[in-house]
Amino acid sequence: MVCFATPTYEERSLASTELRSTIGGYPIKYDGDCDGVTSDAAHPFHDSIVDKLDRWAGATNFYASTYGGLYLDWIGHLGTYRDFPGSPSWHYTARAWDISKIQWTNGASVDICHGAHASPERKKRRQYLAVEALLRRHFRTVLNGYYNAAHETHFHVDNGCELEPMNTSLTSHTLFMQLVANDLMNKSLVVDGVWGPATESAFWEMKTVLNMTCLHPRNNVSHYVTLLNYIARHGFGNHSLGVYKYPLCT
């Protein structure tokens, strides 16, 4: 796994960026205050992140429509480029994006700005996890609403690190798997980002119900991506894990 040094404000550069008003062909709308007042203004994205985001948006529409009958309309966000000093951040070079809403054509949404991660509706929480699973297919760093208070209103993604297998030493990876176990397997794990015996047990049960005992998501990126794909299928379909099974493990 390769991670790059997080740029400081003084090291910022917009030399390799492009202004985008769409991602994957879908409009993006800026809602910096989470008040529902959106802007269609174009925003700068570093060239190195655009292809990943375009493929994520396409995958989101495919999985949501195929398994949940939902079609992507537009994507809400809180910005990509940050032009003011502070803690070192990939936002200085427009290699990060804060995603705040997934709007479907039927008027429904995954409203991340307003607490979709902790929605009282399990269906909404499952859609939230499906969106996150597809983000994790492309980005090693995905921070969700349980990561800390600063991320309750958005998914933060950046390409400061190359994609790697599931890493149980990372808080963000562990939080995601604990949430999947709770909302897609009806477990009652403490969502604390610590990979302990209960999380390990739930993970092995997850592999079993998905018929993935021959896969090794912690050692192999493609196996991890396969697991994420199946999580997305179940999340958008509002199913507990096991409705769709991996066919290749004997």
Protein backbone atom coordinates (compact mmCIF):
# COMPACT_ATOMS: atom_id res chain seq x y z
CA MET A 1 0.00 0.00 0.00
CA VAL A 2 1.32 3.42 -0.98
CA CYS A 3 0.30 6.67 0.68
CA PHE A 4 1.57 10.09 -0.31
CA ALA A 5 2.48 12.99 1.95
CA THR A 6 -0.58 15.11 2.67
CA PRO A 7 -0.01 18.50 1.02
CA THR A 8 0.23 21.67 3.07
CA TYR A 9 -1.49 24.90 2.11
CA GLU A 10 1.82 26.28 0.83
CA GLU A 11 2.24 23.28 -1.49
CA ARG A 12 -1.13 23.61 -3.19
CA SER A 13 -1.36 23.70 -6.95
CA LEU A 14 -4.27 23.85 -9.36
CA ALA A 15 -2.11 23.16 -12.43
CA SER A 16 -3.71 19.76 -13.06
CA THR A 17 -7.34 20.50 -12.30
CA GLU A 18 -10.46 20.90 -14.38
CA LEU A 19 -13.75 22.57 -13.58
CA ARG A 20 -16.55 20.04 -13.43
CA SER A 21 -20.30 20.50 -13.09
CA THR A 22 -20.98 16.79 -13.61
CA ILE A 23 -19.48 13.54 -12.33
CA GLY A 24 -20.04 10.48 -14.46
CA GLY A 25 -22.45 12.54 -16.52
CA TYR A 26 -24.65 13.33 -13.50
CA PRO A 27 -25.06 16.93 -12.30
CA ILE A 28 -23.36 17.90 -9.06
CA LYS A 29 -24.95 20.50 -6.80
CA TYR A 30 -23.11 22.41 -4.11
CA ASP A 31 -24.88 22.70 -0.75
CA GLY A 32 -22.19 24.07 1.51
CA ASP A 33 -24.54 24.88 4.40
CA CYS A 34 -26.67 21.71 4.23
CA ASP A 35 -29.71 23.98 4.04
CA GLY A 36 -31.03 22.65 0.73
CA VAL A 37 -30.04 25.79 -1.19
CA THR A 38 -27.94 24.29 -3.97
CA SER A 39 -25.75 25.77 -6.68
CA ASP A 40 -24.91 24.26 -10.07
CA ALA A 41 -21.56 26.06 -10.21
CA ALA A 42 -18.59 24.10 -11.56
CA HIS A 43 -15.89 23.11 -9.08
CA PRO A 44 -12.21 22.23 -9.58
CA PHE A 45 -11.21 18.55 -9.45
CA HIS A 46 -7.66 17.28 -9.74
CA ASP A 47 -7.21 15.17 -12.86
CA SER A 48 -6.06 12.18 -10.78
CA ILE A 49 -9.40 11.81 -8.96
CA VAL A 50 -11.88 12.48 -11.76
CA ASP A 51 -11.78 9.04 -13.37
CA LYS A 52 -12.36 7.30 -10.02
CA LEU A 53 -15.34 9.52 -9.26
CA ASP A 54 -16.80 9.08 -12.75
CA ARG A 55 -16.62 5.29 -12.40
CA TRP A 56 -18.10 5.43 -8.90
CA ALA A 57 -21.11 7.47 -10.12
CA GLY A 58 -21.72 5.03 -12.97
CA ALA A 59 -21.50 2.07 -10.60
CA THR A 60 -23.86 3.75 -8.15
CA ASN A 61 -26.51 4.20 -10.82
CA PHE A 62 -26.02 0.62 -12.06
CA TYR A 63 -26.27 -1.08 -8.68
CA ALA A 64 -29.04 1.20 -7.39
CA SER A 65 -31.17 0.72 -10.51
CA THR A 66 -30.50 -3.01 -10.91
CA TYR A 67 -31.07 -4.00 -7.29
CA GLY A 68 -33.19 -1.19 -5.88
CA GLY A 69 -35.10 0.30 -8.81
CA LEU A 70 -33.44 3.66 -8.10
CA TYR A 71 -31.88 5.91 -10.72
CA LEU A 72 -29.29 8.55 -9.98
CA ASP A 73 -30.49 12.10 -10.65
CA TRP A 74 -27.79 14.31 -9.12
CA ILE A 75 -25.07 14.34 -6.48
CA GLY A 76 -24.89 16.90 -3.68
CA HIS A 77 -21.56 17.96 -2.25
CA LEU A 78 -19.83 20.32 0.17
CA GLY A 79 -16.86 21.02 -2.06
CA THR A 80 -13.57 19.68 -3.29
CA TYR A 81 -10.99 22.49 -3.25
CA ARG A 82 -10.18 24.41 -0.06
CA ASP A 83 -8.36 27.69 -0.51
CA PHE A 84 -7.54 28.65 3.05
CA PRO A 85 -4.95 27.53 5.62
CA GLY A 86 -5.61 24.88 8.22
CA SER A 87 -4.58 21.32 8.94
CA PRO A 88 -2.85 19.62 5.96
CA SER A 89 -5.53 18.36 3.60
CA TRP A 90 -5.98 16.81 0.18
CA HIS A 91 -8.63 19.47 -0.36
CA TYR A 92 -5.78 21.94 -0.97
CA THR A 93 -5.01 20.21 -4.26
CA ALA A 94 -8.62 19.26 -5.15
CA ARG A 95 -7.84 15.57 -4.65
CA ALA A 96 -10.64 15.14 -2.12
CA TRP A 97 -14.42 15.46 -2.32
CA ASP A 98 -17.13 15.76 0.32
CA ILE A 99 -20.36 14.07 -0.84
CA SER A 100 -23.51 15.17 0.98
CA LYS A 101 -26.49 13.77 -0.94
CA ILE A 102 -27.47 11.13 -3.46
CA GLN A 103 -30.67 12.24 -5.16
CA TRP A 104 -32.77 9.67 -7.01
CA THR A 105 -35.07 10.47 -9.93
CA ASN A 106 -38.16 9.37 -7.96
CA GLY A 107 -37.62 12.17 -5.43
CA ALA A 108 -36.13 10.00 -2.69
CA SER A 109 -32.54 10.46 -1.57
CA VAL A 110 -29.70 9.35 0.65
CA ASP A 111 -29.51 12.61 2.57
CA ILE A 112 -26.07 12.44 4.12
CA CYS A 113 -26.24 16.10 5.17
CA HIS A 114 -29.08 15.26 7.53
CA GLY A 115 -27.91 12.07 9.19
CA ALA A 116 -28.60 9.23 6.74
CA HIS A 117 -25.92 7.18 8.50
CA ALA A 118 -28.08 7.10 11.66
CA SER A 119 -31.52 7.23 10.04
CA PRO A 120 -34.36 5.55 11.98
CA GLU A 121 -35.22 3.81 8.70
CA ARG A 122 -33.10 0.72 8.15
CA LYS A 123 -33.74 0.98 4.41
CA LYS A 124 -32.04 4.40 4.37
CA ARG A 125 -29.10 3.14 6.42
CA ARG A 126 -28.69 0.23 4.02
CA GLN A 127 -28.69 2.57 1.01
CA TYR A 128 -26.09 4.71 2.80
CA LEU A 129 -23.88 1.65 3.24
CA ALA A 130 -24.39 0.64 -0.39
CA VAL A 131 -23.17 4.06 -1.53
CA GLU A 132 -20.20 3.76 0.83
CA ALA A 133 -19.37 0.25 -0.40
CA LEU A 134 -19.10 1.51 -3.96
CA LEU A 135 -16.92 4.44 -2.86
CA ARG A 136 -14.61 1.94 -1.17
CA ARG A 137 -14.20 0.09 -4.49
CA HIS A 138 -12.22 3.10 -5.70
CA PHE A 139 -10.83 4.85 -2.61
CA ARG A 140 -8.80 3.58 0.31
CA THR A 141 -9.82 6.63 2.35
CA VAL A 142 -13.57 6.96 2.88
CA LEU A 143 -14.67 8.71 6.07
CA ASN A 144 -18.32 8.24 7.06
CA GLY A 145 -20.69 9.74 9.58
CA TYR A 146 -19.37 7.62 12.43
CA TYR A 147 -15.74 8.57 11.89
CA ASN A 148 -16.04 11.81 13.89
CA ALA A 149 -18.40 14.76 14.34
CA ALA A 150 -16.78 16.65 11.46
CA HIS A 151 -17.97 13.99 8.98
CA GLU A 152 -21.56 13.49 10.12
CA THR A 153 -22.81 15.52 7.14
CA HIS A 154 -20.80 13.95 4.32
CA PHE A 155 -18.60 11.20 2.96
CA HIS A 156 -15.02 12.40 2.60
CA VAL A 157 -13.02 10.62 -0.10
CA ASP A 158 -9.50 11.33 -1.33
CA ASN A 159 -6.82 9.58 -3.34
CA GLY A 160 -3.95 10.29 -0.98
CA CYS A 161 -3.42 6.52 -0.70
CA GLU A 162 -3.66 3.79 -3.30
CA LEU A 163 -6.46 1.25 -2.96
CA GLU A 164 -5.60 -1.68 -0.70
CA PRO A 165 -7.37 -4.74 0.74
CA MET A 166 -9.61 -4.37 3.77
CA ASN A 167 -7.41 -3.14 6.60
CA THR A 168 -8.68 -3.99 10.07
CA SER A 169 -6.16 -1.64 11.68
CA LEU A 170 -7.88 1.36 10.07
CA THR A 171 -10.74 2.90 12.04
CA SER A 172 -12.63 3.84 8.88
CA HIS A 173 -12.52 0.30 7.45
CA THR A 174 -13.58 -1.26 10.74
CA LEU A 175 -16.45 1.19 11.29
CA PHE A 176 -17.84 0.31 7.88
CA MET A 177 -17.72 -3.43 8.49
CA GLN A 178 -19.34 -3.04 11.92
CA LEU A 179 -22.17 -1.05 10.37
CA VAL A 180 -22.62 -3.66 7.63
CA ALA A 181 -22.84 -6.39 10.27
CA ASN A 182 -25.45 -4.44 12.23
CA ASP A 183 -27.66 -3.24 9.38
CA LEU A 184 -27.26 -6.08 6.89
CA MET A 185 -26.85 -9.00 9.32
CA ASN A 186 -28.95 -7.82 12.28
CA LYS A 187 -25.97 -7.86 14.64
CA SER A 188 -25.61 -5.53 17.62
CA LEU A 189 -21.92 -4.70 17.46
CA VAL A 190 -20.56 -1.67 19.24
CA VAL A 191 -19.63 0.72 16.42
CA ASP A 192 -16.30 1.91 17.79
CA GLY A 193 -13.84 1.32 14.96
CA VAL A 194 -11.94 -1.32 16.97
CA TRP A 195 -11.60 -4.76 15.37
CA GLY A 196 -12.20 -7.13 18.26
CA PRO A 197 -13.45 -10.72 18.63
CA ALA A 198 -17.11 -9.84 18.04
CA THR A 199 -16.31 -8.00 14.80
CA GLU A 200 -14.04 -10.85 13.70
CA SER A 201 -16.81 -13.38 14.34
CA ALA A 202 -19.34 -11.29 12.42
CA PHE A 203 -16.91 -10.96 9.51
CA TRP A 204 -16.50 -14.74 9.21
CA GLU A 205 -20.25 -15.19 9.39
CA MET A 206 -20.57 -12.57 6.65
CA LYS A 207 -18.25 -14.53 4.39
CA THR A 208 -20.17 -17.71 5.12
CA VAL A 209 -23.64 -16.37 4.34
CA LEU A 210 -22.30 -14.83 1.11
CA ASN A 211 -20.56 -18.10 0.13
CA MET A 212 -17.21 -16.27 0.14
CA THR A 213 -15.19 -18.53 2.43
CA CYS A 214 -12.66 -19.05 -0.38
CA LEU A 215 -12.06 -15.30 -0.70
CA HIS A 216 -9.58 -13.28 1.33
CA PRO A 217 -10.62 -9.59 1.37
CA ARG A 218 -7.91 -8.76 3.90
CA ASN A 219 -5.14 -9.92 1.59
CA ASN A 220 -6.46 -9.42 -1.92
CA VAL A 221 -7.86 -6.20 -3.40
CA SER A 222 -10.03 -7.95 -5.99
CA HIS A 223 -11.56 -10.17 -3.29
CA TYR A 224 -12.28 -7.05 -1.23
CA VAL A 225 -13.93 -5.38 -4.22
CA THR A 226 -16.08 -8.48 -4.76
CA LEU A 227 -17.26 -8.31 -1.14
CA LEU A 228 -18.06 -4.61 -1.56
CA ASN A 229 -20.07 -5.34 -4.70
CA TYR A 230 -22.23 -7.83 -2.81
CA ILE A 231 -22.73 -5.42 0.08
CA ALA A 232 -23.95 -2.83 -2.45
CA ARG A 233 -26.38 -5.33 -4.00
CA HIS A 234 -27.95 -6.12 -0.66
CA GLY A 235 -27.95 -2.51 0.56
CA PHE A 236 -29.75 -1.12 -2.47
CA GLY A 237 -32.11 -4.10 -2.49
CA ASN A 238 -32.88 -3.61 1.22
CA HIS A 239 -31.97 -7.22 1.98
CA SER A 240 -30.05 -8.92 4.74
CA LEU A 241 -26.83 -10.51 3.50
CA GLY A 242 -27.32 -13.91 1.86
CA VAL A 243 -30.01 -13.18 -0.71
CA TYR A 244 -27.25 -12.89 -3.32
CA LYS A 245 -24.46 -15.45 -3.00
CA TYR A 246 -21.05 -15.58 -4.63
CA PRO A 247 -21.23 -18.59 -7.00
CA LEU A 248 -17.57 -19.58 -7.27
CA CYS A 249 -16.65 -20.89 -3.81
CA THR A 250 -17.24 -24.62 -3.58
